[in-house]
Structure formats: C-alpha cells, structure tokens
Amino acid sequence: MVDCVARSKGNKDILPVFFNASPSDVKLKAGLYRNAMAKHRKKFGVEEVKRWEDALVEVAELKGWDLKTRGSSYLFHLAQSSLEIIHEAGRTLSLSCISY
C-alpha cells in the first residue's frame, strides 16, 4: 500500500485501522511484532522484511482509527459505513463494477 500511494503522486491515501493492535505496536515497539519480524526474516530475507518494517512504521505515523480498546461491533459498524460510502461514490461516478 505504501508503494502504491507513493506512486500515485498524491492521488491516493492510506486510512489505517488498528484492530487488536495499537499504533505503537505497529511501530515495532511491542515484543510480539519484533519477534514475528525476526521469524519472517528467516523465511523471506532481511531486505524484504526491512521493507515491511519501514512500511509498518510509516503507516503507524498516519492518523487512523485505533480500535484496540473498542469491541468488534464498532469495527463492523466502521466497515458497513465504509461500504456505504464506497457504494454511493460508485453510484455517483456511474461505476457499475462497485457493488456489495
């Protein structure tokens, strides 16, 4: 996503949703994430995982929704609202490919 946004020249944005994780977790400050990345380095290589880590830290710096302390019903409501917005945008733009 970070690469795609960078190539879009400002035409795309990332809106992060942190569910069961906080932005500080994703910044690789939590042991769980650091340990997982160490395992991934063995499987995918140092350079590839470094790209992932850099992307995670960059996304964690963006303003987003921290849902760690909220219930799953809130996430469902957020997803439903997002789909309604996308559906309305599709109708407005007359894009027949957007449906749910």
PDB file of N, CA and C in Angstrom:
ATOM      1  N   MET A   1       0.823  -1.187   0.000  1.00  0.00           N
ATOM      2  CA  MET A   1       0.000   0.000   0.000  1.00  0.00           C
ATOM      3  C   MET A   1       0.867   1.250   0.000  1.00  0.00           C
ATOM      4  N   VAL A   2       1.909   1.235   0.806  1.00  0.00           N
ATOM      5  CA  VAL A   2       2.777   2.407   0.890  1.00  0.00           C
ATOM      6  C   VAL A   2       3.405   2.684  -0.469  1.00  0.00           C
ATOM      7  N   ASP A   3       3.868   1.642  -1.165  1.00  0.00           N
ATOM      8  CA  ASP A   3       4.450   1.820  -2.502  1.00  0.00           C
ATOM      9  C   ASP A   3       3.419   2.368  -3.474  1.00  0.00           C
ATOM     10  N   CYS A   4       2.208   1.855  -3.425  1.00  0.00           N
ATOM     11  CA  CYS A   4       1.133   2.294  -4.319  1.00  0.00           C
ATOM     12  C   CYS A   4       0.808   3.765  -4.093  1.00  0.00           C
ATOM     13  N   VAL A   5       0.721   4.172  -2.847  1.00  0.00           N
ATOM     14  CA  VAL A   5       0.431   5.573  -2.529  1.00  0.00           C
ATOM     15  C   VAL A   5       1.568   6.464  -3.018  1.00  0.00           C
ATOM     16  N   ALA A   6       2.796   6.030  -2.836  1.00  0.00           N
ATOM     17  CA  ALA A   6       3.946   6.821  -3.273  1.00  0.00           C
ATOM     18  C   ALA A   6       3.927   7.023  -4.789  1.00  0.00           C
ATOM     19  N   ARG A   7       3.526   5.979  -5.516  1.00  0.00           N
ATOM     20  CA  ARG A   7       3.471   6.083  -6.986  1.00  0.00           C
ATOM     21  C   ARG A   7       2.271   6.899  -7.475  1.00  0.00           C
ATOM     22  N   SER A   8       1.275   7.109  -6.622  1.00  0.00           N
ATOM     23  CA  SER A   8       0.052   7.791  -7.058  1.00  0.00           C
ATOM     24  C   SER A   8       0.203   9.310  -7.135  1.00  0.00           C
ATOM     25  N   LYS A   9       1.324   9.826  -6.686  1.00  0.00           N
ATOM     26  CA  LYS A   9       1.591  11.275  -6.725  1.00  0.00           C
ATOM     27  C   LYS A   9       0.503  12.079  -6.024  1.00  0.00           C
ATOM     28  N   GLY A  10       0.089  11.594  -4.848  1.00  0.00           N
ATOM     29  CA  GLY A  10      -0.877  12.324  -4.038  1.00  0.00           C
ATOM     30  C   GLY A  10      -2.333  12.027  -4.344  1.00  0.00           C
ATOM     31  N   ASN A  11      -2.607  11.094  -5.239  1.00  0.00           N
ATOM     32  CA  ASN A  11      -3.993  10.779  -5.601  1.00  0.00           C
ATOM     33  C   ASN A  11      -4.615   9.691  -4.739  1.00  0.00           C
ATOM     34  N   LYS A  12      -3.823   9.057  -3.881  1.00  0.00           N
ATOM     35  CA  LYS A  12      -4.347   8.005  -3.015  1.00  0.00           C
ATOM     36  C   LYS A  12      -3.858   8.238  -1.594  1.00  0.00           C
ATOM     37  N   ASP A  13      -4.644   7.767  -0.642  1.00  0.00           N
ATOM     38  CA  ASP A  13      -4.301   7.889   0.766  1.00  0.00           C
ATOM     39  C   ASP A  13      -4.461   6.540   1.444  1.00  0.00           C
ATOM     40  N   ILE A  14      -3.791   6.391   2.561  1.00  0.00           N
ATOM     41  CA  ILE A  14      -3.964   5.225   3.425  1.00  0.00           C
ATOM     42  C   ILE A  14      -4.705   5.690   4.668  1.00  0.00           C
ATOM     43  N   LEU A  15      -5.762   4.988   5.024  1.00  0.00           N
ATOM     44  CA  LEU A  15      -6.513   5.273   6.243  1.00  0.00           C
ATOM     45  C   LEU A  15      -6.388   4.051   7.144  1.00  0.00           C
ATOM     46  N   PRO A  16      -5.383   4.026   8.002  1.00  0.00           N
ATOM     47  CA  PRO A  16      -5.141   2.820   8.803  1.00  0.00           C
ATOM     48  C   PRO A  16      -6.208   2.571   9.861  1.00  0.00           C
ATOM     49  N   VAL A  17      -6.517   1.311  10.050  1.00  0.00           N
ATOM     50  CA  VAL A  17      -7.408   0.864  11.114  1.00  0.00           C
ATOM     51  C   VAL A  17      -6.593  -0.104  11.968  1.00  0.00           C
ATOM     52  N   PHE A  18      -6.381   0.259  13.222  1.00  0.00           N
ATOM     53  CA  PHE A  18      -5.603  -0.563  14.141  1.00  0.00           C
ATOM     54  C   PHE A  18      -6.576  -1.362  15.003  1.00  0.00           C
ATOM     55  N   PHE A  19      -6.746  -2.635  14.676  1.00  0.00           N
ATOM     56  CA  PHE A  19      -7.684  -3.501  15.387  1.00  0.00           C
ATOM     57  C   PHE A  19      -6.879  -4.581  16.102  1.00  0.00           C
ATOM     58  N   ASN A  20      -7.062  -4.689  17.396  1.00  0.00           N
ATOM     59  CA  ASN A  20      -6.266  -5.597  18.239  1.00  0.00           C
ATOM     60  C   ASN A  20      -4.783  -5.273  18.188  1.00  0.00           C
ATOM     61  N   ALA A  21      -4.465  -4.044  17.862  1.00  0.00           N
ATOM     62  CA  ALA A  21      -3.089  -3.548  17.872  1.00  0.00           C
ATOM     63  C   ALA A  21      -3.168  -2.034  18.006  1.00  0.00           C
ATOM     64  N   SER A  22      -2.184  -1.460  18.640  1.00  0.00           N
ATOM     65  CA  SER A  22      -2.142   0.000  18.719  1.00  0.00           C
ATOM     66  C   SER A  22      -1.078   0.498  17.739  1.00  0.00           C
ATOM     67  N   PRO A  23      -1.119   1.787  17.399  1.00  0.00           N
ATOM     68  CA  PRO A  23      -0.082   2.313  16.514  1.00  0.00           C
ATOM     69  C   PRO A  23       1.333   2.048  17.041  1.00  0.00           C
ATOM     70  N   SER A  24       1.528   2.108  18.352  1.00  0.00           N
ATOM     71  CA  SER A  24       2.876   1.848  18.887  1.00  0.00           C
ATOM     72  C   SER A  24       3.278   0.385  18.687  1.00  0.00           C
ATOM     73  N   ASP A  25       2.307  -0.544  18.717  1.00  0.00           N
ATOM     74  CA  ASP A  25       2.616  -1.947  18.413  1.00  0.00           C
ATOM     75  C   ASP A  25       3.165  -2.065  16.997  1.00  0.00           C
ATOM     76  N   VAL A  26       2.500  -1.388  16.073  1.00  0.00           N
ATOM     77  CA  VAL A  26       2.863  -1.486  14.665  1.00  0.00           C
ATOM     78  C   VAL A  26       4.184  -0.783  14.377  1.00  0.00           C
ATOM     79  N   LYS A  27       4.576   0.144  15.232  1.00  0.00           N
ATOM     80  CA  LYS A  27       5.885   0.788  15.081  1.00  0.00           C
ATOM     81  C   LYS A  27       7.001  -0.131  15.540  1.00  0.00           C
ATOM     82  N   LEU A  28       6.666  -1.384  15.791  1.00  0.00           N
ATOM     83  CA  LEU A  28       7.615  -2.438  16.164  1.00  0.00           C
ATOM     84  C   LEU A  28       8.198  -2.218  17.556  1.00  0.00           C
ATOM     85  N   LYS A  29       7.443  -1.547  18.417  1.00  0.00           N
ATOM     86  CA  LYS A  29       7.892  -1.353  19.789  1.00  0.00           C
ATOM     87  C   LYS A  29       7.474  -2.515  20.682  1.00  0.00           C
ATOM     88  N   ALA A  30       6.481  -3.272  20.247  1.00  0.00           N
ATOM     89  CA  ALA A  30       5.999  -4.408  21.043  1.00  0.00           C
ATOM     90  C   ALA A  30       6.813  -5.655  20.705  1.00  0.00           C
ATOM     91  N   GLY A  31       7.105  -6.426  21.717  1.00  0.00           N
ATOM     92  CA  GLY A  31       7.882  -7.643  21.521  1.00  0.00           C
ATOM     93  C   GLY A  31       7.238  -8.611  20.554  1.00  0.00           C
ATOM     94  N   LEU A  32       5.907  -8.686  20.574  1.00  0.00           N
ATOM     95  CA  LEU A  32       5.192  -9.599  19.689  1.00  0.00           C
ATOM     96  C   LEU A  32       5.535  -9.329  18.226  1.00  0.00           C
ATOM     97  N   TYR A  33       5.513  -8.065  17.830  1.00  0.00           N
ATOM     98  CA  TYR A  33       5.819  -7.716  16.441  1.00  0.00           C
ATOM     99  C   TYR A  33       7.299  -7.922  16.139  1.00  0.00           C
ATOM    100  N   ARG A  34       8.165  -7.540  17.055  1.00  0.00           N
ATOM    101  CA  ARG A  34       9.611  -7.728  16.827  1.00  0.00           C
ATOM    102  C   ARG A  34       9.935  -9.201  16.662  1.00  0.00           C
ATOM    103  N   ASN A  35       9.335 -10.044  17.498  1.00  0.00           N
ATOM    104  CA  ASN A  35       9.587 -11.487  17.403  1.00  0.00           C
ATOM    105  C   ASN A  35       9.054 -12.050  16.085  1.00  0.00           C
ATOM    106  N   ALA A  36       7.881 -11.606  15.678  1.00  0.00           N
ATOM    107  CA  ALA A  36       7.307 -12.077  14.412  1.00  0.00           C
ATOM    108  C   ALA A  36       8.198 -11.659  13.236  1.00  0.00           C
ATOM    109  N   MET A  37       8.702 -10.448  13.268  1.00  0.00           N
ATOM    110  CA  MET A  37       9.568  -9.990  12.181  1.00  0.00           C
ATOM    111  C   MET A  37      10.869 -10.787  12.134  1.00  0.00           C
ATOM    112  N   ALA A  38      11.389 -11.164  13.283  1.00  0.00           N
ATOM    113  CA  ALA A  38      12.606 -11.983  13.317  1.00  0.00           C
ATOM    114  C   ALA A  38      12.354 -13.324  12.623  1.00  0.00           C
ATOM    115  N   LYS A  39      11.190 -13.915  12.868  1.00  0.00           N
ATOM    116  CA  LYS A  39      10.843 -15.177  12.196  1.00  0.00           C
ATOM    117  C   LYS A  39      10.676 -14.979  10.687  1.00  0.00           C
ATOM    118  N   HIS A  40      10.062 -13.875  10.312  1.00  0.00           N
ATOM    119  CA  HIS A  40       9.854 -13.602   8.887  1.00  0.00           C
ATOM    120  C   HIS A  40      11.175 -13.356   8.164  1.00  0.00           C
ATOM    121  N   ARG A  41      12.172 -12.766   8.837  1.00  0.00           N
ATOM    122  CA  ARG A  41      13.483 -12.551   8.217  1.00  0.00           C
ATOM    123  C   ARG A  41      14.087 -13.872   7.755  1.00  0.00           C
ATOM    124  N   LYS A  42      13.915 -14.910   8.562  1.00  0.00           N
ATOM    125  CA  LYS A  42      14.452 -16.231   8.204  1.00  0.00           C
ATOM    126  C   LYS A  42      13.757 -16.788   6.961  1.00  0.00           C
ATOM    127  N   LYS A  43      12.471 -16.524   6.851  1.00  0.00           N
ATOM    128  CA  LYS A  43      11.688 -17.081   5.750  1.00  0.00           C
ATOM    129  C   LYS A  43      11.773 -16.239   4.470  1.00  0.00           C
ATOM    130  N   PHE A  44      11.718 -14.895   4.611  1.00  0.00           N
ATOM    131  CA  PHE A  44      11.614 -14.025   3.445  1.00  0.00           C
ATOM    132  C   PHE A  44      12.865 -13.204   3.147  1.00  0.00           C
ATOM    133  N   GLY A  45      13.822 -13.183   4.073  1.00  0.00           N
ATOM    134  CA  GLY A  45      15.049 -12.439   3.854  1.00  0.00           C
ATOM    135  C   GLY A  45      15.030 -11.070   4.515  1.00  0.00           C
ATOM    136  N   VAL A  46      16.222 -10.591   4.825  1.00  0.00           N
ATOM    137  CA  VAL A  46      16.396  -9.338   5.563  1.00  0.00           C
ATOM    138  C   VAL A  46      15.853  -8.141   4.791  1.00  0.00           C
ATOM    139  N   GLU A  47      16.172  -8.046   3.499  1.00  0.00           N
ATOM    140  CA  GLU A  47      15.762  -6.873   2.723  1.00  0.00           C
ATOM    141  C   GLU A  47      14.243  -6.769   2.593  1.00  0.00           C
ATOM    142  N   GLU A  48      13.581  -7.888   2.323  1.00  0.00           N
ATOM    143  CA  GLU A  48      12.118  -7.869   2.173  1.00  0.00           C
ATOM    144  C   GLU A  48      11.438  -7.463   3.475  1.00  0.00           C
ATOM    145  N   VAL A  49      11.879  -8.036   4.581  1.00  0.00           N
ATOM    146  CA  VAL A  49      11.263  -7.726   5.871  1.00  0.00           C
ATOM    147  C   VAL A  49      11.572  -6.293   6.281  1.00  0.00           C
ATOM    148  N   LYS A  50      12.723  -5.780   5.916  1.00  0.00           N
ATOM    149  CA  LYS A  50      13.052  -4.375   6.195  1.00  0.00           C
ATOM    150  C   LYS A  50      12.049  -3.453   5.493  1.00  0.00           C
ATOM    151  N   ARG A  51      11.680  -3.786   4.256  1.00  0.00           N
ATOM    152  CA  ARG A  51      10.667  -3.001   3.533  1.00  0.00           C
ATOM    153  C   ARG A  51       9.343  -3.029   4.291  1.00  0.00           C
ATOM    154  N   TRP A  52       8.957  -4.200   4.782  1.00  0.00           N
ATOM    155  CA  TRP A  52       7.709  -4.334   5.542  1.00  0.00           C
ATOM    156  C   TRP A  52       7.764  -3.487   6.809  1.00  0.00           C
ATOM    157  N   GLU A  53       8.887  -3.582   7.516  1.00  0.00           N
ATOM    158  CA  GLU A  53       9.037  -2.828   8.767  1.00  0.00           C
ATOM    159  C   GLU A  53       8.934  -1.323   8.509  1.00  0.00           C
ATOM    160  N   ASP A  54       9.622  -0.863   7.473  1.00  0.00           N
ATOM    161  CA  ASP A  54       9.571   0.567   7.132  1.00  0.00           C
ATOM    162  C   ASP A  54       8.141   0.993   6.806  1.00  0.00           C
ATOM    163  N   ALA A  55       7.411   0.143   6.069  1.00  0.00           N
ATOM    164  CA  ALA A  55       6.025   0.456   5.715  1.00  0.00           C
ATOM    165  C   ALA A  55       5.139   0.481   6.959  1.00  0.00           C
ATOM    166  N   LEU A  56       5.322  -0.481   7.861  1.00  0.00           N
ATOM    167  CA  LEU A  56       4.528  -0.505   9.095  1.00  0.00           C
ATOM    168  C   LEU A  56       4.750   0.751   9.924  1.00  0.00           C
ATOM    169  N   VAL A  57       5.991   1.142  10.065  1.00  0.00           N
ATOM    170  CA  VAL A  57       6.309   2.342  10.850  1.00  0.00           C
ATOM    171  C   VAL A  57       5.701   3.577  10.187  1.00  0.00           C
ATOM    172  N   GLU A  58       5.792   3.650   8.860  1.00  0.00           N
ATOM    173  CA  GLU A  58       5.229   4.800   8.139  1.00  0.00           C
ATOM    174  C   GLU A  58       3.715   4.870   8.316  1.00  0.00           C
ATOM    175  N   VAL A  59       3.037   3.742   8.188  1.00  0.00           N
ATOM    176  CA  VAL A  59       1.578   3.719   8.334  1.00  0.00           C
ATOM    177  C   VAL A  59       1.174   4.037   9.773  1.00  0.00           C
ATOM    178  N   ALA A  60       1.951   3.566  10.739  1.00  0.00           N
ATOM    179  CA  ALA A  60       1.640   3.833  12.148  1.00  0.00           C
ATOM    180  C   ALA A  60       1.719   5.318  12.474  1.00  0.00           C
ATOM    181  N   GLU A  61       2.471   6.071  11.690  1.00  0.00           N
ATOM    182  CA  GLU A  61       2.587   7.520  11.899  1.00  0.00           C
ATOM    183  C   GLU A  61       1.377   8.280  11.347  1.00  0.00           C
ATOM    184  N   LEU A  62       0.593   7.634  10.491  1.00  0.00           N
ATOM    185  CA  LEU A  62      -0.573   8.291   9.899  1.00  0.00           C
ATOM    186  C   LEU A  62      -1.716   8.351  10.897  1.00  0.00           C
ATOM    187  N   LYS A  63      -2.560   9.328  10.731  1.00  0.00           N
ATOM    188  CA  LYS A  63      -3.755   9.409  11.557  1.00  0.00           C
ATOM    189  C   LYS A  63      -4.726   8.338  11.066  1.00  0.00           C
ATOM    190  N   GLY A  64      -5.180   7.539  12.005  1.00  0.00           N
ATOM    191  CA  GLY A  64      -6.100   6.469  11.649  1.00  0.00           C
ATOM    192  C   GLY A  64      -7.033   6.183  12.801  1.00  0.00           C
ATOM    193  N   TRP A  65      -7.637   5.019  12.776  1.00  0.00           N
ATOM    194  CA  TRP A  65      -8.560   4.617  13.825  1.00  0.00           C
ATOM    195  C   TRP A  65      -7.892   3.579  14.717  1.00  0.00           C
ATOM    196  N   ASP A  66      -7.752   3.896  15.982  1.00  0.00           N
ATOM    197  CA  ASP A  66      -7.200   2.960  16.954  1.00  0.00           C
ATOM    198  C   ASP A  66      -8.370   2.257  17.632  1.00  0.00           C
ATOM    199  N   LEU A  67      -8.634   1.029  17.226  1.00  0.00           N
ATOM    200  CA  LEU A  67      -9.796   0.286  17.716  1.00  0.00           C
ATOM    201  C   LEU A  67      -9.418  -0.772  18.743  1.00  0.00           C
ATOM    202  N   LYS A  68      -8.205  -0.700  19.264  1.00  0.00           N
ATOM    203  CA  LYS A  68      -7.745  -1.735  20.188  1.00  0.00           C
ATOM    204  C   LYS A  68      -8.661  -1.876  21.402  1.00  0.00           C
ATOM    205  N   THR A  69      -9.164  -0.767  21.889  1.00  0.00           N
ATOM    206  CA  THR A  69      -9.996  -0.809  23.096  1.00  0.00           C
ATOM    207  C   THR A  69     -11.487  -0.872  22.779  1.00  0.00           C
ATOM    208  N   ARG A  70     -11.830  -0.934  21.502  1.00  0.00           N
ATOM    209  CA  ARG A  70     -13.242  -0.985  21.119  1.00  0.00           C
ATOM    210  C   ARG A  70     -13.626  -2.412  20.762  1.00  0.00           C
ATOM    211  N   GLY A  71     -14.884  -2.714  20.841  1.00  0.00           N
ATOM    212  CA  GLY A  71     -15.365  -4.050  20.525  1.00  0.00           C
ATOM    213  C   GLY A  71     -15.460  -4.301  19.030  1.00  0.00           C
ATOM    214  N   SER A  72     -15.679  -5.555  18.675  1.00  0.00           N
ATOM    215  CA  SER A  72     -15.779  -5.911  17.270  1.00  0.00           C
ATOM    216  C   SER A  72     -17.015  -5.304  16.616  1.00  0.00           C
ATOM    217  N   SER A  73     -18.044  -4.977  17.402  1.00  0.00           N
ATOM    218  CA  SER A  73     -19.235  -4.359  16.815  1.00  0.00           C
ATOM    219  C   SER A  73     -18.895  -2.984  16.233  1.00  0.00           C
ATOM    220  N   TYR A  74     -17.946  -2.288  16.851  1.00  0.00           N
ATOM    221  CA  TYR A  74     -17.528  -0.991  16.318  1.00  0.00           C
ATOM    222  C   TYR A  74     -16.844  -1.172  14.968  1.00  0.00           C
ATOM    223  N   LEU A  75     -15.994  -2.209  14.849  1.00  0.00           N
ATOM    224  CA  LEU A  75     -15.323  -2.490  13.585  1.00  0.00           C
ATOM    225  C   LEU A  75     -16.352  -2.819  12.508  1.00  0.00           C
ATOM    226  N   PHE A  76     -17.357  -3.609  12.860  1.00  0.00           N
ATOM    227  CA  PHE A  76     -18.418  -3.938  11.907  1.00  0.00           C
ATOM    228  C   PHE A  76     -19.118  -2.663  11.436  1.00  0.00           C
ATOM    229  N   HIS A  77     -19.446  -1.767  12.371  1.00  0.00           N
ATOM    230  CA  HIS A  77     -20.102  -0.507  12.024  1.00  0.00           C
ATOM    231  C   HIS A  77     -19.208   0.323  11.092  1.00  0.00           C
ATOM    232  N   LEU A  78     -17.915   0.382  11.392  1.00  0.00           N
ATOM    233  CA  LEU A  78     -16.975   1.128  10.556  1.00  0.00           C
ATOM    234  C   LEU A  78     -16.919   0.531   9.152  1.00  0.00           C
ATOM    235  N   ALA A  79     -16.858  -0.792   9.058  1.00  0.00           N
ATOM    236  CA  ALA A  79     -16.811  -1.452   7.747  1.00  0.00           C
ATOM    237  C   ALA A  79     -18.096  -1.208   6.969  1.00  0.00           C
ATOM    238  N   GLN A  80     -19.221  -1.306   7.647  1.00  0.00           N
ATOM    239  CA  GLN A  80     -20.507  -1.082   6.990  1.00  0.00           C
ATOM    240  C   GLN A  80     -20.606   0.355   6.478  1.00  0.00           C
ATOM    241  N   SER A  81     -20.196   1.306   7.282  1.00  0.00           N
ATOM    242  CA  SER A  81     -20.215   2.715   6.861  1.00  0.00           C
ATOM    243  C   SER A  81     -19.301   2.932   5.661  1.00  0.00           C
ATOM    244  N   SER A  82     -18.135   2.286   5.686  1.00  0.00           N
ATOM    245  CA  SER A  82     -17.185   2.417   4.577  1.00  0.00           C
ATOM    246  C   SER A  82     -17.786   1.868   3.287  1.00  0.00           C
ATOM    247  N   LEU A  83     -18.438   0.715   3.387  1.00  0.00           N
ATOM    248  CA  LEU A  83     -19.073   0.138   2.200  1.00  0.00           C
ATOM    249  C   LEU A  83     -20.165   1.038   1.654  1.00  0.00           C
ATOM    250  N   GLU A  84     -20.926   1.664   2.532  1.00  0.00           N
ATOM    251  CA  GLU A  84     -21.973   2.584   2.083  1.00  0.00           C
ATOM    252  C   GLU A  84     -21.372   3.780   1.354  1.00  0.00           C
ATOM    253  N   ILE A  85     -20.261   4.291   1.863  1.00  0.00           N
ATOM    254  CA  ILE A  85     -19.589   5.421   1.211  1.00  0.00           C
ATOM    255  C   ILE A  85     -19.071   5.000  -0.158  1.00  0.00           C
ATOM    256  N   ILE A  86     -18.448   3.828  -0.224  1.00  0.00           N
ATOM    257  CA  ILE A  86     -17.915   3.336  -1.500  1.00  0.00           C
ATOM    258  C   ILE A  86     -19.053   3.108  -2.496  1.00  0.00           C
ATOM    259  N   HIS A  87     -20.141   2.521  -2.008  1.00  0.00           N
ATOM    260  CA  HIS A  87     -21.288   2.267  -2.885  1.00  0.00           C
ATOM    261  C   HIS A  87     -21.844   3.585  -3.433  1.00  0.00           C
ATOM    262  N   GLU A  88     -21.999   4.577  -2.584  1.00  0.00           N
ATOM    263  CA  GLU A  88     -22.520   5.870  -3.018  1.00  0.00           C
ATOM    264  C   GLU A  88     -21.558   6.536  -3.999  1.00  0.00           C
ATOM    265  N   ALA A  89     -20.264   6.444  -3.747  1.00  0.00           N
ATOM    266  CA  ALA A  89     -19.280   7.017  -4.673  1.00  0.00           C
ATOM    267  C   ALA A  89     -19.368   6.318  -6.024  1.00  0.00           C
ATOM    268  N   GLY A  90     -19.544   5.009  -6.002  1.00  0.00           N
ATOM    269  CA  GLY A  90     -19.684   4.255  -7.248  1.00  0.00           C
ATOM    270  C   GLY A  90     -20.916   4.678  -8.028  1.00  0.00           C
ATOM    271  N   ARG A  91     -22.010   4.890  -7.322  1.00  0.00           N
ATOM    272  CA  ARG A  91     -23.238   5.342  -7.990  1.00  0.00           C
ATOM    273  C   ARG A  91     -23.046   6.740  -8.555  1.00  0.00           C
ATOM    274  N   THR A  92     -22.405   7.592  -7.786  1.00  0.00           N
ATOM    275  CA  THR A  92     -22.171   8.966  -8.228  1.00  0.00           C
ATOM    276  C   THR A  92     -21.290   8.993  -9.475  1.00  0.00           C
ATOM    277  N   LEU A  93     -20.300   8.135  -9.502  1.00  0.00           N
ATOM    278  CA  LEU A  93     -19.369   8.094 -10.632  1.00  0.00           C
ATOM    279  C   LEU A  93     -19.844   7.170 -11.742  1.00  0.00           C
ATOM    280  N   SER A  94     -21.009   6.546 -11.546  1.00  0.00           N
ATOM    281  CA  SER A  94     -21.573   5.610 -12.517  1.00  0.00           C
ATOM    282  C   SER A  94     -20.646   4.440 -12.802  1.00  0.00           C
ATOM    283  N   LEU A  95     -20.033   3.927 -11.738  1.00  0.00           N
ATOM    284  CA  LEU A  95     -19.157   2.768 -11.882  1.00  0.00           C
ATOM    285  C   LEU A  95     -19.966   1.520 -11.581  1.00  0.00           C
ATOM    286  N   SER A  96     -20.243   0.739 -12.561  1.00  0.00           N
ATOM    287  CA  SER A  96     -21.058  -0.447 -12.356  1.00  0.00           C
ATOM    288  C   SER A  96     -20.294  -1.578 -11.673  1.00  0.00           C
ATOM    289  N   CYS A  97     -18.982  -1.474 -11.573  1.00  0.00           N
ATOM    290  CA  CYS A  97     -18.195  -2.570 -11.003  1.00  0.00           C
ATOM    291  C   CYS A  97     -18.189  -2.566  -9.471  1.00  0.00           C
ATOM    292  N   ILE A  98     -18.658  -1.505  -8.832  1.00  0.00           N
ATOM    293  CA  ILE A  98     -18.663  -1.442  -7.378  1.00  0.00           C
ATOM    294  C   ILE A  98     -20.028  -1.888  -6.872  1.00  0.00           C
ATOM    295  N   SER A  99     -20.026  -2.995  -6.141  1.00  0.00           N
ATOM    296  CA  SER A  99     -21.275  -3.465  -5.535  1.00  0.00           C
ATOM    297  C   SER A  99     -20.946  -4.248  -4.292  1.00  0.00           C
ATOM    298  N   TYR A 100     -21.951  -4.453  -3.446  1.00  0.00           N
ATOM    299  CA  TYR A 100     -21.779  -5.289  -2.259  1.00  0.00           C
ATOM    300  C   TYR A 100     -23.025  -6.028  -1.979  1.00  0.00           C
TER     301      TYR A 100
END
